[in-house]
Protein backbone atom coordinates (compact mmCIF):
# COMPACT_ATOMS: atom_id res chain seq x y z
CA MET A 1 13.70 -14.74 26.80
CA LYS A 2 13.11 -17.29 24.08
CA GLN A 3 9.52 -17.80 25.27
CA LEU A 4 8.90 -14.05 25.15
CA LEU A 5 10.05 -13.89 21.53
CA VAL A 6 7.79 -16.80 20.61
CA LEU A 7 4.83 -15.11 22.31
CA LEU A 8 5.54 -11.84 20.50
CA ALA A 9 5.78 -13.62 17.16
CA LEU A 10 2.45 -15.33 17.79
CA ALA A 11 0.78 -12.09 18.88
CA MET A 12 1.96 -9.97 15.93
CA PRO A 13 -0.75 -11.07 13.45
CA ALA A 14 -3.48 -10.61 16.06
CA LEU A 15 -2.21 -7.12 16.77
CA GLY A 16 -2.06 -6.27 13.09
CA LEU A 17 1.72 -5.93 13.24
CA ALA A 18 2.42 -8.60 10.67
CA GLU A 19 0.67 -9.59 7.51
CA ASP A 20 0.98 -12.72 5.46
CA LEU A 21 1.77 -11.52 1.96
CA SER A 22 2.10 -13.59 -1.18
CA ALA A 23 5.32 -13.31 -3.15
CA SER A 24 3.64 -10.92 -5.59
CA GLN A 25 2.20 -8.78 -2.79
CA LEU A 26 5.55 -8.67 -1.01
CA ALA A 27 7.23 -7.57 -4.25
CA GLY A 28 4.46 -4.97 -4.65
CA GLN A 29 5.14 -3.69 -1.15
CA LYS A 30 8.73 -3.10 -2.21
CA VAL A 31 7.61 -1.33 -5.40
CA PHE A 32 5.31 0.86 -3.30
CA ALA A 33 8.12 1.70 -0.87
CA HIS A 34 10.52 2.54 -3.72
CA ARG A 35 8.21 4.35 -6.16
CA CYS A 36 5.27 5.60 -4.09
CA GLY A 37 6.29 5.71 -0.45
CA MET A 38 7.99 9.10 -0.57
CA CYS A 39 4.62 10.75 -1.17
CA HIS A 40 2.11 8.14 -0.07
CA ARG A 41 3.38 6.99 3.30
CA GLU A 42 2.66 8.89 6.50
CA GLY A 43 3.89 12.47 6.31
CA GLY A 44 4.18 12.50 2.52
CA THR A 45 2.75 15.16 0.26
CA GLY A 46 0.35 12.67 -1.33
CA THR A 47 -1.17 11.80 2.03
CA PHE A 48 -1.80 15.48 2.77
CA VAL A 49 -3.42 16.04 -0.62
CA LEU A 50 -5.61 12.93 -0.27
CA ALA A 51 -6.57 13.90 3.29
CA ARG A 52 -7.78 17.29 2.04
CA ARG A 53 -9.71 15.75 -0.85
CA LEU A 54 -11.04 12.53 0.72
CA GLY A 55 -10.49 12.77 4.47
CA ALA A 56 -7.78 11.44 6.74
CA ALA A 57 -9.18 7.89 6.72
CA GLN A 58 -8.57 7.66 2.96
CA SER A 59 -5.16 9.31 2.87
CA LEU A 60 -2.87 6.30 3.44
CA LEU A 61 -3.10 4.08 0.36
CA GLU A 62 -1.57 1.05 2.04
CA GLN A 63 -4.38 0.98 4.60
CA ARG A 64 -7.27 1.43 2.18
CA THR A 65 -9.50 -1.48 1.27
CA ASP A 66 -11.49 0.22 -1.49
CA LEU A 67 -8.84 0.63 -4.19
CA GLN A 68 -9.68 -0.89 -7.56
CA PRO A 69 -6.99 -2.32 -9.87
CA GLU A 70 -8.08 -0.28 -12.91
CA THR A 71 -8.06 2.93 -10.85
CA ILE A 72 -4.55 2.27 -9.56
CA ARG A 73 -3.29 1.53 -13.07
CA TYR A 74 -4.93 4.64 -14.53
CA VAL A 75 -3.67 7.03 -11.84
CA VAL A 76 -0.12 5.64 -11.94
CA ARG A 77 0.08 5.83 -15.75
CA TRP A 78 -1.77 9.12 -16.32
CA GLY A 79 -1.41 10.99 -13.02
CA LEU A 80 -4.13 12.82 -11.16
CA THR A 81 -4.11 16.48 -10.05
CA ASN A 82 -0.77 16.86 -8.21
CA MET A 83 0.46 13.33 -8.91
CA PRO A 84 2.64 13.04 -12.01
CA ARG A 85 2.26 10.16 -14.41
CA LEU A 86 4.76 7.31 -14.13
CA SER A 87 5.86 5.74 -17.39
CA ARG A 88 6.43 2.06 -18.11
CA VAL A 89 10.14 2.79 -17.78
CA GLU A 90 9.65 4.08 -14.22
CA VAL A 91 7.14 1.37 -13.27
CA PRO A 92 7.35 -1.56 -15.70
CA ASP A 93 4.19 -3.62 -16.22
CA PRO A 94 5.38 -6.52 -14.00
CA ASP A 95 6.04 -4.02 -11.19
CA MET A 96 2.62 -2.47 -11.79
CA ASN A 97 1.00 -5.89 -11.45
CA GLN A 98 2.79 -6.44 -8.15
CA LEU A 99 1.88 -2.96 -6.92
CA VAL A 100 -1.79 -3.60 -7.74
CA ALA A 101 -1.63 -6.99 -5.99
CA TYR A 102 -0.24 -5.31 -2.87
CA LEU A 103 -2.67 -2.38 -2.74
CA THR A 104 -5.72 -4.58 -3.39
CA ARG A 105 -4.70 -7.47 -1.12
CA PRO A 106 -7.45 -8.97 1.02
CA ARG A 107 -7.42 -7.82 4.62
CA PRO A 108 -8.70 -9.62 7.69
CA ALA A 109 -12.04 -8.31 8.90
CA ALA A 110 -11.74 -5.65 11.57
CA ALA A 111 -12.74 -6.68 15.07
CA PRO A 112 -16.05 -5.18 16.21
């Protein structure tokens, strides 16, 4: 049993089930879950709106690799179409920095 758990732990990164995140990225993942996840995780209103506008491949923000820090900051602070703006009280600047670090984190290259 112990060997099976070790094998699973070793296989998780290769399967894309685990990701090494820096402390800032991990904190940003928590900010995303708390402030953004209701709409921008699978099944959320934000994912449906983005899928209509940009296509299904672009609808899940956590999976995108093309997000730019300045775009994230602008959309969070000023809103965009159906998304309301979030003030510095709702998402303080340190949280914003962590959120940006998480959403723009480098990803391993996809296997061909």
